[in-house]
Protein backbone atom coordinates (compact mmCIF):
# COMPACT_ATOMS: atom_id res chain seq x y z
CA MET A 1 0.00 0.00 0.00
CA LYS A 2 1.07 3.57 -0.56
CA PHE A 3 0.68 6.28 2.08
CA VAL A 4 1.33 10.02 2.17
CA ALA A 5 2.90 11.58 5.25
CA GLU A 6 2.66 15.30 5.98
CA ILE A 7 5.37 16.33 8.45
CA ASP A 8 5.73 19.67 10.23
CA ILE A 9 9.15 20.40 11.73
CA MET A 10 9.39 23.36 14.10
CA PRO A 11 12.01 24.87 16.38
CA LEU A 12 11.56 23.75 19.98
CA PRO A 13 9.48 26.25 21.97
CA SER A 14 12.35 26.88 24.38
CA LEU A 15 14.65 28.08 21.57
CA LEU A 16 14.75 31.47 19.90
CA ASP A 17 13.53 31.63 16.30
CA PRO A 18 15.58 34.35 14.55
CA GLN A 19 13.60 34.05 11.30
CA GLY A 20 10.31 34.40 13.15
CA LYS A 21 11.61 37.38 15.09
CA ALA A 22 12.71 39.07 11.84
CA VAL A 23 9.24 38.54 10.36
CA VAL A 24 7.57 40.05 13.42
CA GLY A 25 9.83 43.10 13.10
CA THR A 26 8.93 43.45 9.43
CA MET A 27 5.22 43.12 10.20
CA LYS A 28 5.47 46.21 12.41
CA ILE A 29 7.13 48.14 9.57
CA MET A 30 4.36 46.96 7.22
CA ASP A 31 1.71 48.37 9.57
CA LEU A 32 0.72 44.95 10.93
CA PRO A 33 1.66 45.36 14.62
CA GLU A 34 -1.10 42.93 15.65
CA ILE A 35 1.08 40.03 14.48
CA VAL A 36 3.27 39.44 17.50
CA GLY A 37 4.33 35.80 17.36
CA VAL A 38 5.85 34.00 14.39
CA ARG A 39 7.66 30.67 14.37
CA ILE A 40 9.09 29.43 11.09
CA GLY A 41 9.68 25.77 10.38
CA LYS A 42 9.60 23.24 7.55
CA HIS A 43 6.87 21.16 5.95
CA VAL A 44 7.85 17.84 4.36
CA THR A 45 5.66 15.48 2.33
CA LEU A 46 6.73 11.85 1.94
CA GLU A 47 5.27 8.93 0.04
CA VAL A 48 5.71 5.69 1.94
CA GLU A 49 5.15 2.15 0.70
CA ALA A 50 4.19 -0.09 3.61
CA ALA A 51 1.94 -3.04 4.46
CA ASP A 52 -0.29 -0.92 6.72
CA LYS A 53 -0.70 2.52 8.28
CA LYS A 54 1.04 1.57 11.53
CA THR A 55 4.15 0.43 9.64
CA ALA A 56 4.09 3.59 7.52
CA GLU A 57 3.94 5.73 10.67
CA ALA A 58 6.90 3.87 12.15
CA LYS A 59 8.92 4.53 8.98
CA VAL A 60 8.05 8.23 9.12
CA VAL A 61 9.24 8.45 12.73
CA GLU A 62 12.45 6.65 11.78
CA ALA A 63 13.07 9.02 8.84
CA CYS A 64 12.47 12.05 11.06
CA GLU A 65 14.71 10.82 13.88
CA LYS A 66 17.53 9.68 11.59
CA LEU A 67 17.60 12.43 8.96
CA LEU A 68 14.91 15.08 8.74
CA VAL A 69 14.84 16.53 12.26
CA ASN A 70 17.66 17.94 14.38
CA GLN A 71 16.23 16.67 17.66
CA ILE A 72 18.42 19.02 19.71
CA MET A 73 16.73 22.06 18.18
CA GLU A 74 13.53 20.83 16.50
CA GLY A 75 10.40 18.84 17.16
CA PHE A 76 7.99 17.28 14.68
CA THR A 77 4.39 16.24 14.20
CA PHE A 78 2.94 14.27 11.33
CA HIS A 79 -0.19 12.77 9.80
CA VAL A 80 -0.26 9.69 7.58
CA LYS A 81 -3.09 8.88 5.18
CA GLU A 82 -3.58 6.34 2.44
CA ALA A 83 -2.55 7.69 -0.96
CA LYS A 84 -5.25 8.07 -3.58
């Protein structure tokens, strides 16, 4: 079976986000002072071939922990669904 995984990778809440801070500063210059919190991360889409959804989810976790996510600085969440 083929599955699609949507992964969001974000800086850990306890760490500063320089890109987000720069965007907030620019929002003020652009007359959007109401926007006060921005965190910038990555979105990754993977296609996974696996026997079932549980196996596909395990492969996504393995890919994130081994390659996609710097676990010292980032966290991740994901959703897996059957590909159409």
